[in-house]
PDB file of N, CA and C in Angstrom:
ATOM      1  N   MET A   1     -96.182  24.451 222.924  1.00  0.00           N
ATOM      2  CA  MET A   1     -95.339  24.140 222.065  1.00  0.00           C
ATOM      3  C   MET A   1     -95.797  22.144 221.436  1.00  0.00           C
ATOM      4  N   ARG A   2     -95.371  21.836 220.401  1.00  0.00           N
ATOM      5  CA  ARG A   2     -95.527  20.529 220.050  1.00  0.00           C
ATOM      6  C   ARG A   2     -94.575  19.710 220.353  1.00  0.00           C
ATOM      7  N   VAL A   3     -94.021  18.711 220.512  1.00  0.00           N
ATOM      8  CA  VAL A   3     -92.711  17.762 220.366  1.00  0.00           C
ATOM      9  C   VAL A   3     -93.158  17.489 218.614  1.00  0.00           C
ATOM     10  N   THR A   4     -92.101  17.490 217.962  1.00  0.00           N
ATOM     11  CA  THR A   4     -92.180  16.226 216.849  1.00  0.00           C
ATOM     12  C   THR A   4     -91.343  14.961 217.430  1.00  0.00           C
ATOM     13  N   GLU A   5     -92.226  14.208 216.185  1.00  0.00           N
ATOM     14  CA  GLU A   5     -91.524  12.430 216.095  1.00  0.00           C
ATOM     15  C   GLU A   5     -90.048  12.655 216.688  1.00  0.00           C
ATOM     16  N   LYS A   6     -89.650  13.393 216.426  1.00  0.00           N
ATOM     17  CA  LYS A   6     -87.943  13.378 216.551  1.00  0.00           C
ATOM     18  C   LYS A   6     -87.857  13.695 218.046  1.00  0.00           C
ATOM     19  N   GLY A   7     -88.288  14.269 218.841  1.00  0.00           N
ATOM     20  CA  GLY A   7     -87.951  14.998 220.065  1.00  0.00           C
ATOM     21  C   GLY A   7     -87.929  16.000 220.408  1.00  0.00           C
ATOM     22  N   GLN A   8     -88.129  17.064 218.753  1.00  0.00           N
ATOM     23  CA  GLN A   8     -87.618  18.738 218.495  1.00  0.00           C
ATOM     24  C   GLN A   8     -89.061  19.453 219.101  1.00  0.00           C
ATOM     25  N   VAL A   9     -88.435  20.780 219.283  1.00  0.00           N
ATOM     26  CA  VAL A   9     -89.414  22.041 219.328  1.00  0.00           C
ATOM     27  C   VAL A   9     -89.016  22.830 219.167  1.00  0.00           C
ATOM     28  N   THR A  10     -89.653  23.790 218.270  1.00  0.00           N
ATOM     29  CA  THR A  10     -89.329  25.214 217.968  1.00  0.00           C
ATOM     30  C   THR A  10     -89.375  26.055 218.739  1.00  0.00           C
ATOM     31  N   ILE A  11     -88.031  26.957 219.042  1.00  0.00           N
ATOM     32  CA  ILE A  11     -88.121  27.998 220.123  1.00  0.00           C
ATOM     33  C   ILE A  11     -88.608  29.101 219.263  1.00  0.00           C
ATOM     34  N   PRO A  12     -89.642  29.607 220.097  1.00  0.00           N
ATOM     35  CA  PRO A  12     -90.318  30.938 219.379  1.00  0.00           C
ATOM     36  C   PRO A  12     -89.378  31.541 219.398  1.00  0.00           C
ATOM     37  N   LYS A  13     -89.736  32.749 217.914  1.00  0.00           N
ATOM     38  CA  LYS A  13     -88.842  33.698 217.324  1.00  0.00           C
ATOM     39  C   LYS A  13     -87.808  34.646 218.668  1.00  0.00           C
ATOM     40  N   GLU A  14     -89.537  35.134 219.288  1.00  0.00           N
ATOM     41  CA  GLU A  14     -89.130  36.092 220.306  1.00  0.00           C
ATOM     42  C   GLU A  14     -87.903  35.976 221.235  1.00  0.00           C
ATOM     43  N   ILE A  15     -87.945  34.800 221.735  1.00  0.00           N
ATOM     44  CA  ILE A  15     -87.442  34.411 222.546  1.00  0.00           C
ATOM     45  C   ILE A  15     -85.353  33.434 222.015  1.00  0.00           C
ATOM     46  N   ARG A  16     -85.789  33.528 220.714  1.00  0.00           N
ATOM     47  CA  ARG A  16     -84.115  33.335 220.118  1.00  0.00           C
ATOM     48  C   ARG A  16     -83.827  34.538 220.233  1.00  0.00           C
ATOM     49  N   ASP A  17     -84.801  35.673 219.696  1.00  0.00           N
ATOM     50  CA  ASP A  17     -84.163  37.287 219.387  1.00  0.00           C
ATOM     51  C   ASP A  17     -83.842  37.346 220.946  1.00  0.00           C
ATOM     52  N   ARG A  18     -84.369  37.401 221.970  1.00  0.00           N
ATOM     53  CA  ARG A  18     -84.079  38.243 223.049  1.00  0.00           C
ATOM     54  C   ARG A  18     -82.823  37.831 223.635  1.00  0.00           C
ATOM     55  N   LEU A  19     -82.520  36.116 223.471  1.00  0.00           N
ATOM     56  CA  LEU A  19     -81.512  35.720 223.749  1.00  0.00           C
ATOM     57  C   LEU A  19     -80.181  35.569 222.892  1.00  0.00           C
ATOM     58  N   GLY A  20     -80.346  35.845 221.682  1.00  0.00           N
ATOM     59  CA  GLY A  20     -79.353  35.925 220.854  1.00  0.00           C
ATOM     60  C   GLY A  20     -79.301  34.652 220.210  1.00  0.00           C
ATOM     61  N   ILE A  21     -80.278  33.720 220.177  1.00  0.00           N
ATOM     62  CA  ILE A  21     -79.662  32.355 219.763  1.00  0.00           C
ATOM     63  C   ILE A  21     -80.324  32.412 218.015  1.00  0.00           C
ATOM     64  N   LYS A  22     -78.790  32.174 217.405  1.00  0.00           N
ATOM     65  CA  LYS A  22     -78.970  32.015 216.053  1.00  0.00           C
ATOM     66  C   LYS A  22     -78.354  30.204 215.868  1.00  0.00           C
ATOM     67  N   PRO A  23     -78.634  30.332 213.951  1.00  0.00           N
ATOM     68  CA  PRO A  23     -78.214  28.756 213.761  1.00  0.00           C
ATOM     69  C   PRO A  23     -77.091  28.691 214.694  1.00  0.00           C
ATOM     70  N   GLY A  24     -76.418  27.607 214.996  1.00  0.00           N
ATOM     71  CA  GLY A  24     -75.110  26.993 215.338  1.00  0.00           C
ATOM     72  C   GLY A  24     -74.745  27.647 216.818  1.00  0.00           C
ATOM     73  N   SER A  25     -76.157  28.278 217.413  1.00  0.00           N
ATOM     74  CA  SER A  25     -75.587  28.696 218.745  1.00  0.00           C
ATOM     75  C   SER A  25     -75.919  27.281 219.724  1.00  0.00           C
ATOM     76  N   ASN A  26     -75.272  26.921 221.148  1.00  0.00           N
ATOM     77  CA  ASN A  26     -75.310  26.210 221.842  1.00  0.00           C
ATOM     78  C   ASN A  26     -76.187  26.617 222.822  1.00  0.00           C
ATOM     79  N   VAL A  27     -76.834  25.772 223.361  1.00  0.00           N
ATOM     80  CA  VAL A  27     -78.284  26.056 224.244  1.00  0.00           C
ATOM     81  C   VAL A  27     -78.051  24.178 225.335  1.00  0.00           C
ATOM     82  N   GLU A  28     -78.554  24.822 226.198  1.00  0.00           N
ATOM     83  CA  GLU A  28     -78.636  23.568 227.519  1.00  0.00           C
ATOM     84  C   GLU A  28     -80.428  23.442 227.629  1.00  0.00           C
ATOM     85  N   PHE A  29     -80.757  22.332 228.134  1.00  0.00           N
ATOM     86  CA  PHE A  29     -81.836  22.315 228.978  1.00  0.00           C
ATOM     87  C   PHE A  29     -81.759  21.965 230.056  1.00  0.00           C
ATOM     88  N   VAL A  30     -81.634  22.102 231.569  1.00  0.00           N
ATOM     89  CA  VAL A  30     -81.949  22.237 233.010  1.00  0.00           C
ATOM     90  C   VAL A  30     -82.889  21.610 233.045  1.00  0.00           C
ATOM     91  N   VAL A  31     -82.784  20.423 233.967  1.00  0.00           N
ATOM     92  CA  VAL A  31     -84.006  19.997 234.676  1.00  0.00           C
ATOM     93  C   VAL A  31     -83.948  20.267 236.341  1.00  0.00           C
ATOM     94  N   ALA A  32     -85.003  20.618 236.646  1.00  0.00           N
ATOM     95  CA  ALA A  32     -85.586  21.021 238.063  1.00  0.00           C
ATOM     96  C   ALA A  32     -86.661  19.769 238.467  1.00  0.00           C
ATOM     97  N   ASP A  33     -86.789  20.005 239.562  1.00  0.00           N
ATOM     98  CA  ASP A  33     -87.778  19.550 239.880  1.00  0.00           C
ATOM     99  C   ASP A  33     -89.366  19.614 239.153  1.00  0.00           C
ATOM    100  N   LYS A  34     -89.638  20.605 239.166  1.00  0.00           N
ATOM    101  CA  LYS A  34     -90.835  21.223 238.765  1.00  0.00           C
ATOM    102  C   LYS A  34     -90.459  21.614 237.361  1.00  0.00           C
ATOM    103  N   GLY A  35     -89.545  21.236 236.526  1.00  0.00           N
ATOM    104  CA  GLY A  35     -89.568  21.895 235.239  1.00  0.00           C
ATOM    105  C   GLY A  35     -88.079  21.827 234.480  1.00  0.00           C
ATOM    106  N   VAL A  36     -88.044  22.584 233.409  1.00  0.00           N
ATOM    107  CA  VAL A  36     -86.923  22.860 232.349  1.00  0.00           C
ATOM    108  C   VAL A  36     -86.660  24.288 232.186  1.00  0.00           C
ATOM    109  N   MET A  37     -85.387  24.742 231.909  1.00  0.00           N
ATOM    110  CA  MET A  37     -85.140  25.988 231.913  1.00  0.00           C
ATOM    111  C   MET A  37     -84.022  25.489 230.522  1.00  0.00           C
ATOM    112  N   LEU A  38     -84.434  26.261 229.500  1.00  0.00           N
ATOM    113  CA  LEU A  38     -83.761  26.765 228.416  1.00  0.00           C
ATOM    114  C   LEU A  38     -82.461  27.400 228.558  1.00  0.00           C
ATOM    115  N   VAL A  39     -81.210  27.268 228.554  1.00  0.00           N
ATOM    116  CA  VAL A  39     -80.390  27.967 228.705  1.00  0.00           C
ATOM    117  C   VAL A  39     -79.344  28.253 227.993  1.00  0.00           C
ATOM    118  N   LYS A  40     -79.187  29.819 227.253  1.00  0.00           N
ATOM    119  CA  LYS A  40     -77.639  29.527 226.302  1.00  0.00           C
ATOM    120  C   LYS A  40     -76.798  29.783 226.366  1.00  0.00           C
ATOM    121  N   ASN A  41     -75.518  29.060 225.133  1.00  0.00           N
ATOM    122  CA  ASN A  41     -74.538  29.008 225.532  1.00  0.00           C
ATOM    123  C   ASN A  41     -73.803  28.333 226.700  1.00  0.00           C
ATOM    124  N   GLY A  42     -74.609  27.360 227.475  1.00  0.00           N
ATOM    125  CA  GLY A  42     -73.961  26.584 228.924  1.00  0.00           C
ATOM    126  C   GLY A  42     -73.660  27.109 229.889  1.00  0.00           C
ATOM    127  N   ASP A  43     -74.602  28.255 230.097  1.00  0.00           N
ATOM    128  CA  ASP A  43     -74.344  29.153 231.255  1.00  0.00           C
ATOM    129  C   ASP A  43     -75.356  28.707 232.106  1.00  0.00           C
ATOM    130  N   ALA A  44     -75.916  27.506 232.629  1.00  0.00           N
ATOM    131  CA  ALA A  44     -76.514  26.569 232.757  1.00  0.00           C
ATOM    132  C   ALA A  44     -76.585  26.284 234.091  1.00  0.00           C
ATOM    133  N   THR A  45     -75.158  26.651 234.518  1.00  0.00           N
ATOM    134  CA  THR A  45     -74.564  26.649 236.291  1.00  0.00           C
ATOM    135  C   THR A  45     -75.352  27.059 237.313  1.00  0.00           C
ATOM    136  N   ASP A  46     -75.758  28.308 236.862  1.00  0.00           N
ATOM    137  CA  ASP A  46     -76.490  29.157 238.384  1.00  0.00           C
ATOM    138  C   ASP A  46     -77.540  29.703 237.780  1.00  0.00           C
ATOM    139  N   ALA A  47     -78.131  28.867 236.669  1.00  0.00           N
ATOM    140  CA  ALA A  47     -79.740  29.605 235.904  1.00  0.00           C
ATOM    141  C   ALA A  47     -80.648  29.305 237.036  1.00  0.00           C
ATOM    142  N   PHE A  48     -80.942  28.746 237.454  1.00  0.00           N
ATOM    143  CA  PHE A  48     -81.887  28.338 238.400  1.00  0.00           C
ATOM    144  C   PHE A  48     -81.924  29.133 240.064  1.00  0.00           C
ATOM    145  N   GLU A  49     -80.542  29.119 240.470  1.00  0.00           N
ATOM    146  CA  GLU A  49     -79.981  29.795 241.734  1.00  0.00           C
ATOM    147  C   GLU A  49     -80.242  31.489 241.189  1.00  0.00           C
ATOM    148  N   ASP A  50     -80.067  31.686 240.149  1.00  0.00           N
ATOM    149  CA  ASP A  50     -79.889  33.104 240.101  1.00  0.00           C
ATOM    150  C   ASP A  50     -81.623  33.764 239.448  1.00  0.00           C
ATOM    151  N   PHE A  51     -82.650  32.943 239.115  1.00  0.00           N
ATOM    152  CA  PHE A  51     -83.834  33.041 239.253  1.00  0.00           C
ATOM    153  C   PHE A  51     -84.261  33.078 240.543  1.00  0.00           C
ATOM    154  N   ASP A  52     -84.270  32.072 241.486  1.00  0.00           N
ATOM    155  CA  ASP A  52     -84.321  31.735 242.601  1.00  0.00           C
ATOM    156  C   ASP A  52     -83.926  33.323 243.503  1.00  0.00           C
ATOM    157  N   ALA A  53     -82.797  33.728 243.224  1.00  0.00           N
ATOM    158  CA  ALA A  53     -82.204  35.264 243.734  1.00  0.00           C
ATOM    159  C   ALA A  53     -82.979  36.131 243.340  1.00  0.00           C
ATOM    160  N   TRP A  54     -83.348  36.050 242.392  1.00  0.00           N
ATOM    161  CA  TRP A  54     -84.170  37.457 241.968  1.00  0.00           C
ATOM    162  C   TRP A  54     -85.790  37.213 242.538  1.00  0.00           C
ATOM    163  N   ALA A  55     -86.092  36.211 242.344  1.00  0.00           N
ATOM    164  CA  ALA A  55     -87.925  36.157 242.670  1.00  0.00           C
ATOM    165  C   ALA A  55     -87.818  36.384 244.518  1.00  0.00           C
ATOM    166  N   ARG A  56     -86.639  35.790 245.232  1.00  0.00           N
ATOM    167  CA  ARG A  56     -86.449  36.326 247.049  1.00  0.00           C
ATOM    168  C   ARG A  56     -86.511  37.726 247.073  1.00  0.00           C
ATOM    169  N   SER A  57     -85.565  38.459 245.973  1.00  0.00           N
ATOM    170  CA  SER A  57     -85.435  39.597 245.997  1.00  0.00           C
ATOM    171  C   SER A  57     -86.599  40.748 245.742  1.00  0.00           C
ATOM    172  N   VAL A  58     -87.672  40.085 244.815  1.00  0.00           N
ATOM    173  CA  VAL A  58     -88.472  41.011 244.341  1.00  0.00           C
ATOM    174  C   VAL A  58     -90.137  40.381 245.864  1.00  0.00           C
ATOM    175  N   GLU A  59     -89.788  39.592 246.516  1.00  0.00           N
ATOM    176  CA  GLU A  59     -91.169  38.936 247.284  1.00  0.00           C
ATOM    177  C   GLU A  59     -91.629  40.400 247.949  1.00  0.00           C
ATOM    178  N   GLY A  60     -92.365  40.446 247.893  1.00  0.00           N
ATOM    179  CA  GLY A  60     -93.827  40.931 248.629  1.00  0.00           C
ATOM    180  C   GLY A  60     -93.522  42.483 248.231  1.00  0.00           C
ATOM    181  N   THR A  61     -93.424  43.077 246.851  1.00  0.00           N
ATOM    182  CA  THR A  61     -92.792  43.905 246.205  1.00  0.00           C
ATOM    183  C   THR A  61     -94.132  44.746 245.479  1.00  0.00           C
ATOM    184  N   PHE A  62     -95.279  43.581 245.612  1.00  0.00           N
ATOM    185  CA  PHE A  62     -96.234  43.637 244.539  1.00  0.00           C
ATOM    186  C   PHE A  62     -97.289  44.346 245.530  1.00  0.00           C
ATOM    187  N   ASP A  63     -97.661  45.373 244.713  1.00  0.00           N
ATOM    188  CA  ASP A  63     -98.926  45.847 245.784  1.00  0.00           C
ATOM    189  C   ASP A  63    -100.218  45.894 244.993  1.00  0.00           C
ATOM    190  N   THR A  64    -101.385  45.131 245.426  1.00  0.00           N
ATOM    191  CA  THR A  64    -102.883  44.890 244.795  1.00  0.00           C
ATOM    192  C   THR A  64    -103.732  45.776 245.221  1.00  0.00           C
ATOM    193  N   ASN A  65    -103.231  46.731 246.042  1.00  0.00           N
ATOM    194  CA  ASN A  65    -104.151  48.102 247.070  1.00  0.00           C
ATOM    195  C   ASN A  65    -104.959  46.882 247.439  1.00  0.00           C
ATOM    196  N   GLY A  66    -104.758  46.218 248.713  1.00  0.00           N
ATOM    197  CA  GLY A  66    -105.682  45.375 249.210  1.00  0.00           C
ATOM    198  C   GLY A  66    -106.549  44.352 248.788  1.00  0.00           C
ATOM    199  N   MET A  67    -106.398  44.105 247.021  1.00  0.00           N
ATOM    200  CA  MET A  67    -107.319  43.016 246.611  1.00  0.00           C
ATOM    201  C   MET A  67    -106.915  41.740 246.834  1.00  0.00           C
ATOM    202  N   THR A  68    -107.772  40.550 247.057  1.00  0.00           N
ATOM    203  CA  THR A  68    -107.503  39.267 246.916  1.00  0.00           C
ATOM    204  C   THR A  68    -106.704  39.225 245.712  1.00  0.00           C
ATOM    205  N   ALA A  69    -105.775  38.116 245.760  1.00  0.00           N
ATOM    206  CA  ALA A  69    -105.208  37.147 244.540  1.00  0.00           C
ATOM    207  C   ALA A  69    -106.377  37.100 243.713  1.00  0.00           C
ATOM    208  N   ASP A  70    -107.532  36.759 244.131  1.00  0.00           N
ATOM    209  CA  ASP A  70    -108.936  36.545 242.980  1.00  0.00           C
ATOM    210  C   ASP A  70    -108.963  37.581 242.249  1.00  0.00           C
ATOM    211  N   ASN A  71    -109.539  38.584 243.375  1.00  0.00           N
ATOM    212  CA  ASN A  71    -110.038  39.758 242.674  1.00  0.00           C
ATOM    213  C   ASN A  71    -108.930  40.405 241.968  1.00  0.00           C
ATOM    214  N   TYR A  72    -107.894  40.578 242.494  1.00  0.00           N
ATOM    215  CA  TYR A  72    -106.573  40.891 241.214  1.00  0.00           C
ATOM    216  C   TYR A  72    -107.073  40.195 240.091  1.00  0.00           C
ATOM    217  N   ILE A  73    -106.699  39.114 239.747  1.00  0.00           N
ATOM    218  CA  ILE A  73    -106.796  38.549 238.498  1.00  0.00           C
ATOM    219  C   ILE A  73    -107.976  38.824 237.707  1.00  0.00           C
ATOM    220  N   ASP A  74    -109.676  38.695 238.229  1.00  0.00           N
ATOM    221  CA  ASP A  74    -110.118  39.272 237.780  1.00  0.00           C
ATOM    222  C   ASP A  74    -110.177  40.733 237.491  1.00  0.00           C
ATOM    223  N   TRP A  75    -109.638  41.444 237.703  1.00  0.00           N
ATOM    224  CA  TRP A  75    -109.421  42.981 237.458  1.00  0.00           C
ATOM    225  C   TRP A  75    -108.659  42.792 236.358  1.00  0.00           C
ATOM    226  N   LEU A  76    -107.500  42.256 236.494  1.00  0.00           N
ATOM    227  CA  LEU A  76    -106.509  42.073 235.596  1.00  0.00           C
ATOM    228  C   LEU A  76    -107.122  41.364 234.214  1.00  0.00           C
ATOM    229  N   ARG A  77    -107.902  40.452 234.029  1.00  0.00           N
ATOM    230  CA  ARG A  77    -108.346  39.993 233.056  1.00  0.00           C
ATOM    231  C   ARG A  77    -109.609  40.549 232.258  1.00  0.00           C
ATOM    232  N   GLY A  78    -110.057  41.347 233.350  1.00  0.00           N
ATOM    233  CA  GLY A  78    -111.066  42.306 232.461  1.00  0.00           C
ATOM    234  C   GLY A  78    -112.481  41.668 232.249  1.00  0.00           C
ATOM    235  N   PRO A  79    -113.584  42.613 232.263  1.00  0.00           N
ATOM    236  CA  PRO A  79    -114.940  41.896 232.025  1.00  0.00           C
ATOM    237  C   PRO A  79    -114.640  40.661 231.142  1.00  0.00           C
ATOM    238  N   ARG A  80    -115.603  39.182 231.596  1.00  0.00           N
ATOM    239  CA  ARG A  80    -115.590  38.151 230.347  1.00  0.00           C
ATOM    240  C   ARG A  80    -117.193  37.856 229.897  1.00  0.00           C
ATOM    241  N   ASP A  81    -117.070  38.223 228.505  1.00  0.00           N
ATOM    242  CA  ASP A  81    -117.919  38.347 227.564  1.00  0.00           C
ATOM    243  C   ASP A  81    -118.573  36.813 227.214  1.00  0.00           C
ATOM    244  N   ASP A  82    -117.834  35.445 227.661  1.00  0.00           N
ATOM    245  CA  ASP A  82    -117.940  34.763 227.319  1.00  0.00           C
ATOM    246  C   ASP A  82    -119.089  33.772 228.537  1.00  0.00           C
ATOM    247  N   LEU A  83    -119.158  34.818 229.858  1.00  0.00           N
ATOM    248  CA  LEU A  83    -119.785  33.907 231.040  1.00  0.00           C
ATOM    249  C   LEU A  83    -121.429  34.541 230.988  1.00  0.00           C
ATOM    250  N   ASP A  84    -122.217  33.792 231.155  1.00  0.00           N
ATOM    251  CA  ASP A  84    -123.615  34.353 231.230  1.00  0.00           C
ATOM    252  C   ASP A  84    -123.981  35.256 232.670  1.00  0.00           C
ATOM    253  N   ARG A  85    -124.138  36.307 232.504  1.00  0.00           N
ATOM    254  CA  ARG A  85    -124.374  37.032 233.905  1.00  0.00           C
ATOM    255  C   ARG A  85    -125.813  37.159 234.174  1.00  0.00           C
ATOM    256  N   HIS A  86    -126.585  36.285 234.310  1.00  0.00           N
ATOM    257  CA  HIS A  86    -127.855  36.423 234.054  1.00  0.00           C
ATOM    258  C   HIS A  86    -127.869  36.676 236.151  1.00  0.00           C
TER     259      HIS A  86
END
């Protein structure tokens, strides 16, 4: 996303629709050490803690059938036609 001269960004439609953000809606930007989170209607108090709790709850639940992370990413992306395979 590009920031305008006035410091504005456009929230993508998919995100606005998912969060129910309409003209006049209130949102907050919550700053953390590693980034910023957009939160609808001032629900910012526990937003990062809720996300962190969810991340901890699903930790270790993803099975790659023994593939390394690199192998899994290669499998997920599929063949790359832009690489010279000589």
